Amino acid sequence: MTPPSARTPRRAPPPLDAAALERLALRYVERFATSRGKLADYLARKVRERGWDGVPVDPREVAQRMADAGYVDDRSFAEQKGAALARRGYGARRVAETLRAAGLDEEDRAPVVEEARTAALDSALRLARRKRIGPFASQRPDPRERERHLAALLRAGHDSTTARRVVDSAPGEIPILD
């Protein structure tokens, strides 16, 4: 077998043009659920990596065309991502930050974040069950372990009141919403 250093180097891909950028966008949206912001960031990165040949095209315009064609739906993406994060036990703060990082507008994020706030205790209990915290622990934790459990819930995006309610619950006692 030939050592890697003796092989011929890979040829650099050719610079992008408008048609190639469109093909990249189509390929990306066929493979991944995405938002306009994430798609535009991906396309801009590809232009930086490969260079450009021809009349410049704004990646945001290509992403908008994909949205106009129905290939990208920010509202649907926000709902799906928010539901997936809630099922994994993440709180409203983490959901909001994830959706913001995905490049979603406030109008697309707001209903999903509000739904996450409404279901805060349920999602905190999902995380607690998975991590065996609070009511799902076998015994009450010592103070140091309690702080670790509290930190895990806070990192997951839960507010301090909900996190404390779950962590301070006795094993087997599921807290109820006040």
N, C-alpha and C. Protein backbone atom coordinates (compact mmCIF):
# COMPACT_ATOMS: atom_id res chain seq x y z
N MET A 1 0.84 -1.18 0.00
CA MET A 1 0.00 0.00 0.00
C MET A 1 0.89 1.24 0.00
N THR A 2 0.51 2.23 -0.75
CA THR A 2 1.28 3.45 -0.87
C THR A 2 1.02 4.34 0.35
N PRO A 3 2.07 4.89 0.94
CA PRO A 3 1.85 5.78 2.09
C PRO A 3 1.08 7.03 1.65
N PRO A 4 0.31 7.61 2.56
CA PRO A 4 -0.52 8.76 2.20
C PRO A 4 0.28 9.92 1.60
N SER A 5 1.50 10.12 2.05
CA SER A 5 2.29 11.25 1.55
C SER A 5 2.71 11.05 0.10
N ALA A 6 2.77 9.79 -0.38
CA ALA A 6 3.21 9.51 -1.74
C ALA A 6 2.06 9.57 -2.74
N ARG A 7 0.83 9.60 -2.27
CA ARG A 7 -0.32 9.68 -3.17
C ARG A 7 -0.39 11.07 -3.81
N THR A 8 -1.04 11.10 -4.92
CA THR A 8 -1.21 12.40 -5.57
C THR A 8 -2.24 13.20 -4.79
N PRO A 9 -1.98 14.47 -4.62
CA PRO A 9 -2.94 15.28 -3.85
C PRO A 9 -4.26 15.44 -4.59
N ARG A 10 -5.32 15.61 -3.84
CA ARG A 10 -6.64 15.80 -4.43
C ARG A 10 -6.68 17.14 -5.14
N ARG A 11 -7.35 17.12 -6.25
CA ARG A 11 -7.52 18.35 -7.00
C ARG A 11 -8.53 19.24 -6.28
N ALA A 12 -8.24 20.51 -6.20
CA ALA A 12 -9.17 21.44 -5.55
C ALA A 12 -10.43 21.55 -6.41
N PRO A 13 -11.60 21.58 -5.76
CA PRO A 13 -12.83 21.72 -6.54
C PRO A 13 -12.84 23.08 -7.26
N PRO A 14 -13.51 23.15 -8.39
CA PRO A 14 -13.54 24.41 -9.14
C PRO A 14 -14.32 25.48 -8.39
N PRO A 15 -14.05 26.73 -8.67
CA PRO A 15 -14.81 27.82 -8.03
C PRO A 15 -16.29 27.71 -8.38
N LEU A 16 -17.11 28.22 -7.51
CA LEU A 16 -18.56 28.17 -7.71
C LEU A 16 -19.03 29.26 -8.67
N ASP A 17 -20.13 28.99 -9.32
CA ASP A 17 -20.85 30.01 -10.08
C ASP A 17 -22.31 29.94 -9.64
N ALA A 18 -23.17 30.73 -10.23
CA ALA A 18 -24.57 30.79 -9.79
C ALA A 18 -25.26 29.43 -9.89
N ALA A 19 -25.03 28.70 -10.98
CA ALA A 19 -25.68 27.40 -11.16
C ALA A 19 -25.18 26.39 -10.14
N ALA A 20 -23.88 26.40 -9.87
CA ALA A 20 -23.31 25.46 -8.90
C ALA A 20 -23.82 25.78 -7.49
N LEU A 21 -23.97 27.05 -7.18
CA LEU A 21 -24.48 27.44 -5.86
C LEU A 21 -25.93 26.98 -5.71
N GLU A 22 -26.69 27.10 -6.76
CA GLU A 22 -28.08 26.63 -6.74
C GLU A 22 -28.13 25.12 -6.53
N ARG A 23 -27.26 24.38 -7.22
CA ARG A 23 -27.21 22.92 -7.04
C ARG A 23 -26.81 22.56 -5.61
N LEU A 24 -25.84 23.28 -5.05
CA LEU A 24 -25.44 23.03 -3.66
C LEU A 24 -26.61 23.25 -2.71
N ALA A 25 -27.35 24.32 -2.95
CA ALA A 25 -28.50 24.63 -2.09
C ALA A 25 -29.56 23.53 -2.19
N LEU A 26 -29.85 23.10 -3.40
CA LEU A 26 -30.84 22.02 -3.58
C LEU A 26 -30.40 20.74 -2.90
N ARG A 27 -29.14 20.41 -3.05
CA ARG A 27 -28.60 19.19 -2.43
C ARG A 27 -28.70 19.27 -0.91
N TYR A 28 -28.41 20.45 -0.36
CA TYR A 28 -28.45 20.63 1.09
C TYR A 28 -29.88 20.49 1.62
N VAL A 29 -30.85 21.15 0.96
CA VAL A 29 -32.22 21.09 1.47
C VAL A 29 -32.86 19.73 1.25
N GLU A 30 -32.35 18.96 0.28
CA GLU A 30 -32.90 17.61 0.12
C GLU A 30 -32.39 16.67 1.20
N ARG A 31 -31.23 16.98 1.77
CA ARG A 31 -30.64 16.11 2.78
C ARG A 31 -30.96 16.50 4.21
N PHE A 32 -31.17 17.80 4.47
CA PHE A 32 -31.32 18.27 5.84
C PHE A 32 -32.53 19.18 6.00
N ALA A 33 -33.18 19.08 7.16
CA ALA A 33 -34.17 20.08 7.54
C ALA A 33 -33.37 21.30 7.95
N THR A 34 -33.72 22.44 7.42
CA THR A 34 -32.91 23.62 7.67
C THR A 34 -33.77 24.88 7.66
N SER A 35 -33.14 25.98 8.05
CA SER A 35 -33.78 27.29 7.99
C SER A 35 -33.09 28.12 6.93
N ARG A 36 -33.71 29.23 6.57
CA ARG A 36 -33.08 30.12 5.59
C ARG A 36 -31.73 30.60 6.09
N GLY A 37 -31.63 30.92 7.38
CA GLY A 37 -30.38 31.41 7.95
C GLY A 37 -29.27 30.37 7.87
N LYS A 38 -29.59 29.15 8.25
CA LYS A 38 -28.58 28.08 8.19
C LYS A 38 -28.16 27.80 6.76
N LEU A 39 -29.11 27.81 5.83
CA LEU A 39 -28.79 27.56 4.43
C LEU A 39 -27.89 28.67 3.88
N ALA A 40 -28.23 29.92 4.20
CA ALA A 40 -27.41 31.04 3.73
C ALA A 40 -26.00 30.97 4.30
N ASP A 41 -25.87 30.59 5.58
CA ASP A 41 -24.54 30.44 6.19
C ASP A 41 -23.74 29.34 5.51
N TYR A 42 -24.40 28.23 5.21
CA TYR A 42 -23.74 27.12 4.54
C TYR A 42 -23.25 27.55 3.15
N LEU A 43 -24.09 28.22 2.40
CA LEU A 43 -23.72 28.65 1.06
C LEU A 43 -22.58 29.68 1.11
N ALA A 44 -22.64 30.60 2.06
CA ALA A 44 -21.56 31.59 2.19
C ALA A 44 -20.24 30.90 2.53
N ARG A 45 -20.30 29.89 3.38
CA ARG A 45 -19.08 29.15 3.72
C ARG A 45 -18.51 28.44 2.49
N LYS A 46 -19.37 27.85 1.69
CA LYS A 46 -18.91 27.17 0.48
C LYS A 46 -18.27 28.16 -0.50
N VAL A 47 -18.83 29.36 -0.60
CA VAL A 47 -18.24 30.39 -1.47
C VAL A 47 -16.87 30.78 -0.95
N ARG A 48 -16.73 30.94 0.38
CA ARG A 48 -15.42 31.27 0.97
C ARG A 48 -14.41 30.16 0.70
N GLU A 49 -14.83 28.91 0.85
CA GLU A 49 -13.92 27.78 0.69
C GLU A 49 -13.48 27.57 -0.76
N ARG A 50 -14.41 27.70 -1.68
CA ARG A 50 -14.12 27.34 -3.08
C ARG A 50 -13.86 28.53 -3.98
N GLY A 51 -14.22 29.72 -3.55
CA GLY A 51 -14.05 30.88 -4.40
C GLY A 51 -15.26 31.08 -5.31
N TRP A 52 -15.20 32.15 -6.11
CA TRP A 52 -16.34 32.49 -6.94
C TRP A 52 -15.88 32.79 -8.33
N ASP A 53 -16.69 32.40 -9.29
CA ASP A 53 -16.40 32.64 -10.69
C ASP A 53 -17.66 33.19 -11.35
N GLY A 54 -17.61 34.43 -11.81
CA GLY A 54 -18.76 35.01 -12.48
C GLY A 54 -19.37 36.14 -11.69
N VAL A 55 -20.61 36.47 -12.05
CA VAL A 55 -21.33 37.56 -11.39
C VAL A 55 -21.69 37.12 -9.97
N PRO A 56 -21.34 37.95 -8.96
CA PRO A 56 -21.62 37.55 -7.57
C PRO A 56 -23.11 37.37 -7.30
N VAL A 57 -23.42 36.37 -6.49
CA VAL A 57 -24.79 36.08 -6.07
C VAL A 57 -24.80 36.05 -4.55
N ASP A 58 -25.78 36.69 -3.95
CA ASP A 58 -25.91 36.72 -2.50
C ASP A 58 -26.50 35.39 -2.02
N PRO A 59 -25.82 34.67 -1.13
CA PRO A 59 -26.37 33.40 -0.62
C PRO A 59 -27.74 33.55 0.04
N ARG A 60 -28.01 34.72 0.63
CA ARG A 60 -29.32 34.95 1.25
C ARG A 60 -30.43 34.95 0.19
N GLU A 61 -30.11 35.45 -1.01
CA GLU A 61 -31.10 35.44 -2.09
C GLU A 61 -31.41 34.01 -2.54
N VAL A 62 -30.38 33.18 -2.60
CA VAL A 62 -30.59 31.77 -2.98
C VAL A 62 -31.43 31.09 -1.91
N ALA A 63 -31.12 31.35 -0.63
CA ALA A 63 -31.90 30.75 0.46
C ALA A 63 -33.34 31.22 0.41
N GLN A 64 -33.55 32.49 0.08
CA GLN A 64 -34.92 33.01 -0.03
C GLN A 64 -35.66 32.34 -1.18
N ARG A 65 -34.98 32.11 -2.30
CA ARG A 65 -35.62 31.41 -3.43
C ARG A 65 -36.02 30.00 -3.02
N MET A 66 -35.18 29.34 -2.24
CA MET A 66 -35.52 27.99 -1.77
C MET A 66 -36.75 28.04 -0.86
N ALA A 67 -36.85 29.09 -0.05
CA ALA A 67 -38.02 29.24 0.82
C ALA A 67 -39.26 29.55 -0.01
N ASP A 68 -39.11 30.41 -1.01
CA ASP A 68 -40.25 30.74 -1.87
C ASP A 68 -40.74 29.52 -2.64
N ALA A 69 -39.83 28.62 -2.98
CA ALA A 69 -40.21 27.39 -3.70
C ALA A 69 -40.80 26.34 -2.76
N GLY A 70 -40.73 26.60 -1.46
CA GLY A 70 -41.31 25.66 -0.49
C GLY A 70 -40.34 24.61 0.02
N TYR A 71 -39.07 24.72 -0.34
CA TYR A 71 -38.08 23.75 0.12
C TYR A 71 -37.61 24.03 1.54
N VAL A 72 -37.74 25.27 1.98
CA VAL A 72 -37.32 25.68 3.31
C VAL A 72 -38.50 26.38 3.97
N ASP A 73 -38.85 25.94 5.18
CA ASP A 73 -39.96 26.54 5.92
C ASP A 73 -39.47 26.80 7.34
N ASP A 74 -39.18 28.07 7.63
CA ASP A 74 -38.63 28.43 8.94
C ASP A 74 -39.58 28.11 10.09
N ARG A 75 -40.86 28.35 9.91
CA ARG A 75 -41.81 28.09 10.99
C ARG A 75 -41.87 26.61 11.32
N SER A 76 -41.93 25.78 10.29
CA SER A 76 -41.97 24.34 10.49
C SER A 76 -40.67 23.84 11.12
N PHE A 77 -39.54 24.38 10.66
CA PHE A 77 -38.25 24.00 11.23
C PHE A 77 -38.21 24.35 12.71
N ALA A 78 -38.68 25.55 13.07
CA ALA A 78 -38.69 25.97 14.47
C ALA A 78 -39.54 25.03 15.33
N GLU A 79 -40.71 24.67 14.81
CA GLU A 79 -41.60 23.77 15.57
C GLU A 79 -40.97 22.40 15.76
N GLN A 80 -40.37 21.87 14.70
CA GLN A 80 -39.75 20.55 14.79
C GLN A 80 -38.55 20.56 15.73
N LYS A 81 -37.72 21.59 15.61
CA LYS A 81 -36.52 21.67 16.45
C LYS A 81 -36.92 21.88 17.92
N GLY A 82 -37.89 22.75 18.15
CA GLY A 82 -38.36 23.00 19.51
C GLY A 82 -38.94 21.75 20.15
N ALA A 83 -39.73 21.00 19.38
CA ALA A 83 -40.32 19.76 19.91
C ALA A 83 -39.24 18.73 20.20
N ALA A 84 -38.24 18.64 19.34
CA ALA A 84 -37.16 17.67 19.56
C ALA A 84 -36.37 18.03 20.81
N LEU A 85 -36.09 19.31 21.01
CA LEU A 85 -35.35 19.73 22.20
C LEU A 85 -36.18 19.50 23.47
N ALA A 86 -37.47 19.76 23.40
CA ALA A 86 -38.34 19.54 24.56
C ALA A 86 -38.40 18.05 24.91
N ARG A 87 -38.46 17.19 23.89
CA ARG A 87 -38.49 15.75 24.16
C ARG A 87 -37.21 15.29 24.86
N ARG A 88 -36.11 15.96 24.56
CA ARG A 88 -34.84 15.60 25.19
C ARG A 88 -34.67 16.24 26.57
N GLY A 89 -35.62 17.11 26.95
CA GLY A 89 -35.60 17.68 28.29
C GLY A 89 -34.96 19.05 28.38
N TYR A 90 -34.82 19.75 27.28
CA TYR A 90 -34.22 21.09 27.32
C TYR A 90 -35.28 22.14 27.63
N GLY A 91 -34.84 23.21 28.29
CA GLY A 91 -35.74 24.27 28.71
C GLY A 91 -35.89 25.37 27.67
N ALA A 92 -36.73 26.34 28.01
CA ALA A 92 -37.08 27.42 27.08
C ALA A 92 -35.86 28.24 26.68
N ARG A 93 -34.97 28.51 27.62
CA ARG A 93 -33.79 29.31 27.29
C ARG A 93 -32.92 28.62 26.26
N ARG A 94 -32.73 27.32 26.42
CA ARG A 94 -31.91 26.56 25.48
C ARG A 94 -32.60 26.45 24.12
N VAL A 95 -33.92 26.28 24.12
CA VAL A 95 -34.68 26.23 22.87
C VAL A 95 -34.54 27.57 22.13
N ALA A 96 -34.71 28.67 22.86
CA ALA A 96 -34.62 30.00 22.25
C ALA A 96 -33.24 30.23 21.65
N GLU A 97 -32.20 29.86 22.37
CA GLU A 97 -30.84 30.07 21.89
C GLU A 97 -30.55 29.20 20.66
N THR A 98 -31.01 27.98 20.67
CA THR A 98 -30.79 27.09 19.52
C THR A 98 -31.49 27.62 18.27
N LEU A 99 -32.70 28.10 18.43
CA LEU A 99 -33.44 28.64 17.29
C LEU A 99 -32.82 29.94 16.79
N ARG A 100 -32.33 30.77 17.71
CA ARG A 100 -31.67 32.00 17.31
C ARG A 100 -30.39 31.68 16.54
N ALA A 101 -29.65 30.69 17.01
CA ALA A 101 -28.41 30.30 16.34
C ALA A 101 -28.69 29.71 14.96
N ALA A 102 -29.88 29.16 14.76
CA ALA A 102 -30.25 28.62 13.45
C ALA A 102 -30.66 29.71 12.48
N GLY A 103 -30.64 30.97 12.94
CA GLY A 103 -30.94 32.08 12.05
C GLY A 103 -32.42 32.35 11.86
N LEU A 104 -33.23 31.93 12.81
CA LEU A 104 -34.67 32.14 12.69
C LEU A 104 -35.07 33.52 13.19
N ASP A 105 -36.06 34.12 12.52
CA ASP A 105 -36.58 35.42 12.93
C ASP A 105 -37.36 35.28 14.23
N GLU A 106 -37.52 36.41 14.92
CA GLU A 106 -38.27 36.42 16.17
C GLU A 106 -39.70 35.92 15.98
N GLU A 107 -40.33 36.28 14.88
CA GLU A 107 -41.73 35.87 14.66
C GLU A 107 -41.85 34.35 14.49
N ASP A 108 -40.81 33.68 14.00
CA ASP A 108 -40.84 32.23 13.88
C ASP A 108 -40.45 31.54 15.19
N ARG A 109 -39.60 32.19 15.97
CA ARG A 109 -39.13 31.61 17.24
C ARG A 109 -40.15 31.76 18.36
N ALA A 110 -40.82 32.89 18.43
CA ALA A 110 -41.64 33.25 19.58
C ALA A 110 -42.67 32.19 19.97
N PRO A 111 -43.50 31.67 19.06
CA PRO A 111 -44.50 30.69 19.50
C PRO A 111 -43.87 29.41 20.06
N VAL A 112 -42.75 29.01 19.49
CA VAL A 112 -42.09 27.79 19.94
C VAL A 112 -41.49 27.99 21.33
N VAL A 113 -40.87 29.14 21.55
CA VAL A 113 -40.28 29.44 22.85
C VAL A 113 -41.38 29.55 23.91
N GLU A 114 -42.50 30.17 23.56
CA GLU A 114 -43.61 30.28 24.50
C GLU A 114 -44.16 28.89 24.86
N GLU A 115 -44.24 28.03 23.89
CA GLU A 115 -44.68 26.65 24.15
C GLU A 115 -43.69 25.93 25.07
N ALA A 116 -42.41 26.19 24.88
CA ALA A 116 -41.39 25.58 25.75
C ALA A 116 -41.51 26.11 27.17
N ARG A 117 -41.84 27.39 27.31
CA ARG A 117 -42.03 27.95 28.66
C ARG A 117 -43.25 27.32 29.33
N THR A 118 -44.30 27.09 28.57
CA THR A 118 -45.52 26.48 29.11
C THR A 118 -45.25 25.05 29.59
N ALA A 119 -44.42 24.33 28.86
CA ALA A 119 -44.14 22.93 29.19
C ALA A 119 -42.83 22.77 29.96
N ALA A 120 -42.41 23.81 30.67
CA ALA A 120 -41.10 23.81 31.34
C ALA A 120 -40.96 22.66 32.34
N LEU A 121 -41.95 22.46 33.18
CA LEU A 121 -41.84 21.41 34.20
C LEU A 121 -41.80 20.03 33.55
N ASP A 122 -42.60 19.80 32.53
CA ASP A 122 -42.60 18.51 31.85
C ASP A 122 -41.23 18.20 31.23
N SER A 123 -40.65 19.19 30.57
CA SER A 123 -39.35 18.93 29.94
C SER A 123 -38.26 18.78 31.00
N ALA A 124 -38.36 19.52 32.11
CA ALA A 124 -37.39 19.36 33.19
C ALA A 124 -37.48 17.96 33.79
N LEU A 125 -38.70 17.45 33.91
CA LEU A 125 -38.88 16.10 34.44
C LEU A 125 -38.36 15.04 33.47
N ARG A 126 -38.45 15.31 32.17
CA ARG A 126 -37.88 14.37 31.18
C ARG A 126 -36.37 14.27 31.36
N LEU A 127 -35.73 15.43 31.52
CA LEU A 127 -34.28 15.44 31.73
C LEU A 127 -33.94 14.78 33.07
N ALA A 128 -34.72 15.07 34.09
CA ALA A 128 -34.47 14.49 35.41
C ALA A 128 -34.61 12.96 35.37
N ARG A 129 -35.57 12.47 34.62
CA ARG A 129 -35.73 11.01 34.49
C ARG A 129 -34.50 10.41 33.81
N ARG A 130 -34.06 11.06 32.74
CA ARG A 130 -32.91 10.54 32.00
C ARG A 130 -31.63 10.57 32.84
N LYS A 131 -31.48 11.62 33.66
CA LYS A 131 -30.26 11.78 34.46
C LYS A 131 -30.41 11.24 35.89
N ARG A 132 -31.61 10.74 36.21
CA ARG A 132 -31.91 10.22 37.55
C ARG A 132 -31.68 11.29 38.63
N ILE A 133 -32.38 12.39 38.42
CA ILE A 133 -32.29 13.54 39.31
C ILE A 133 -33.62 13.70 40.03
N GLY A 134 -33.58 14.22 41.26
CA GLY A 134 -34.78 14.58 42.01
C GLY A 134 -35.71 13.41 42.22
N PRO A 135 -36.92 13.46 41.69
CA PRO A 135 -37.90 12.40 41.96
C PRO A 135 -37.52 11.06 41.33
N PHE A 136 -36.55 11.06 40.44
CA PHE A 136 -36.15 9.82 39.77
C PHE A 136 -34.83 9.27 40.33
N ALA A 137 -34.31 9.91 41.38
CA ALA A 137 -33.09 9.43 42.02
C ALA A 137 -33.45 8.30 42.98
N SER A 138 -32.46 7.50 43.32
CA SER A 138 -32.71 6.41 44.26
C SER A 138 -32.68 6.90 45.70
N GLN A 139 -31.99 7.99 45.94
CA GLN A 139 -31.93 8.58 47.28
C GLN A 139 -31.66 10.07 47.16
N ARG A 140 -31.87 10.80 48.25
CA ARG A 140 -31.60 12.24 48.23
C ARG A 140 -30.10 12.46 48.06
N PRO A 141 -29.71 13.40 47.22
CA PRO A 141 -28.27 13.63 47.00
C PRO A 141 -27.65 14.43 48.14
N ASP A 142 -26.34 14.28 48.30
CA ASP A 142 -25.63 15.12 49.27
C ASP A 142 -25.55 16.53 48.67
N PRO A 143 -25.16 17.53 49.45
CA PRO A 143 -25.18 18.92 48.95
C PRO A 143 -24.34 19.13 47.67
N ARG A 144 -23.21 18.48 47.59
CA ARG A 144 -22.37 18.64 46.40
C ARG A 144 -23.04 18.04 45.16
N GLU A 145 -23.64 16.88 45.33
CA GLU A 145 -24.34 16.22 44.23
C GLU A 145 -25.58 17.03 43.83
N ARG A 146 -26.26 17.60 44.83
CA ARG A 146 -27.42 18.45 44.56
C ARG A 146 -27.04 19.63 43.67
N GLU A 147 -25.90 20.24 43.96
CA GLU A 147 -25.43 21.37 43.14
C GLU A 147 -25.13 20.92 41.71
N ARG A 148 -24.59 19.74 41.55
CA ARG A 148 -24.32 19.21 40.20
C ARG A 148 -25.63 18.98 39.44
N HIS A 149 -26.61 18.43 40.13
CA HIS A 149 -27.92 18.20 39.50
C HIS A 149 -28.56 19.53 39.11
N LEU A 150 -28.49 20.50 40.00
CA LEU A 150 -29.03 21.82 39.72
C LEU A 150 -28.32 22.44 38.51
N ALA A 151 -27.01 22.32 38.47
CA ALA A 151 -26.23 22.87 37.35
C ALA A 151 -26.62 22.19 36.03
N ALA A 152 -26.87 20.89 36.06
CA ALA A 152 -27.27 20.18 34.83
C ALA A 152 -28.59 20.72 34.30
N LEU A 153 -29.54 20.96 35.18
CA LEU A 153 -30.83 21.50 34.74
C LEU A 153 -30.69 22.94 34.25
N LEU A 154 -29.86 23.72 34.90
CA LEU A 154 -29.66 25.10 34.46
C LEU A 154 -28.95 25.15 33.10
N ARG A 155 -27.96 24.28 32.90
CA ARG A 155 -27.27 24.23 31.60
C ARG A 155 -28.22 23.80 30.49
N ALA A 156 -29.22 23.00 30.84
CA ALA A 156 -30.19 22.54 29.85
C ALA A 156 -31.21 23.63 29.51
N GLY A 157 -31.09 24.80 30.17
CA GLY A 157 -31.95 25.92 29.81
C GLY A 157 -33.19 26.10 30.66
N HIS A 158 -33.25 25.44 31.80
CA HIS A 158 -34.41 25.59 32.68
C HIS A 158 -34.19 26.76 33.62
N ASP A 159 -35.28 27.43 33.99
CA ASP A 159 -35.16 28.54 34.93
C ASP A 159 -34.85 27.99 36.32
N SER A 160 -34.31 28.84 37.17
CA SER A 160 -33.84 28.37 38.49
C SER A 160 -34.98 27.86 39.37
N THR A 161 -36.16 28.44 39.27
CA THR A 161 -37.29 27.99 40.09
C THR A 161 -37.69 26.56 39.73
N THR A 162 -37.82 26.29 38.44
CA THR A 162 -38.18 24.93 38.00
C THR A 162 -37.07 23.95 38.35
N ALA A 163 -35.83 24.35 38.13
CA ALA A 163 -34.70 23.46 38.41
C ALA A 163 -34.65 23.11 39.90
N ARG A 164 -34.84 24.10 40.76
CA ARG A 164 -34.82 23.84 42.21
C ARG A 164 -35.99 22.94 42.62
N ARG A 165 -37.16 23.18 42.03
CA ARG A 165 -38.33 22.36 42.36
C ARG A 165 -38.07 20.89 42.03
N VAL A 166 -37.45 20.64 40.89
CA VAL A 166 -37.19 19.25 40.49
C VAL A 166 -36.09 18.65 41.35
N VAL A 167 -35.00 19.36 41.54
CA VAL A 167 -33.87 18.83 42.30
C VAL A 167 -34.25 18.58 43.76
N ASP A 168 -35.04 19.45 44.32
CA ASP A 168 -35.41 19.32 45.74
C ASP A 168 -36.55 18.34 45.99
N SER A 169 -37.10 17.77 44.94
CA SER A 169 -38.17 16.76 45.11
C SER A 169 -37.58 15.49 45.70
N ALA A 170 -38.32 14.90 46.60
CA ALA A 170 -37.87 13.63 47.20
C ALA A 170 -38.02 12.53 46.16
N PRO A 171 -37.17 11.51 46.26
CA PRO A 171 -37.29 10.39 45.32
C PRO A 171 -38.71 9.81 45.35
N GLY A 172 -39.29 9.69 44.16
CA GLY A 172 -40.63 9.14 44.04
C GLY A 172 -41.74 10.17 44.09
N GLU A 173 -41.44 11.41 44.47
CA GLU A 173 -42.46 12.46 44.56
C GLU A 173 -42.32 13.40 43.37
N ILE A 174 -43.22 13.28 42.43
CA ILE A 174 -43.20 14.12 41.23
C ILE A 174 -43.80 15.48 41.59
N PRO A 175 -43.05 16.57 41.36
CA PRO A 175 -43.61 17.90 41.67
C PRO A 175 -44.75 18.24 40.72
N ILE A 176 -45.68 19.03 41.22
CA ILE A 176 -46.81 19.46 40.38
C ILE A 176 -46.68 20.95 40.13
N LEU A 177 -47.32 21.41 39.06
CA LEU A 177 -47.29 22.81 38.69
C LEU A 177 -48.20 23.59 39.64
N ASP A 178 -47.69 24.70 40.17
CA ASP A 178 -48.49 25.53 41.09
C ASP A 178 -49.49 26.37 40.35
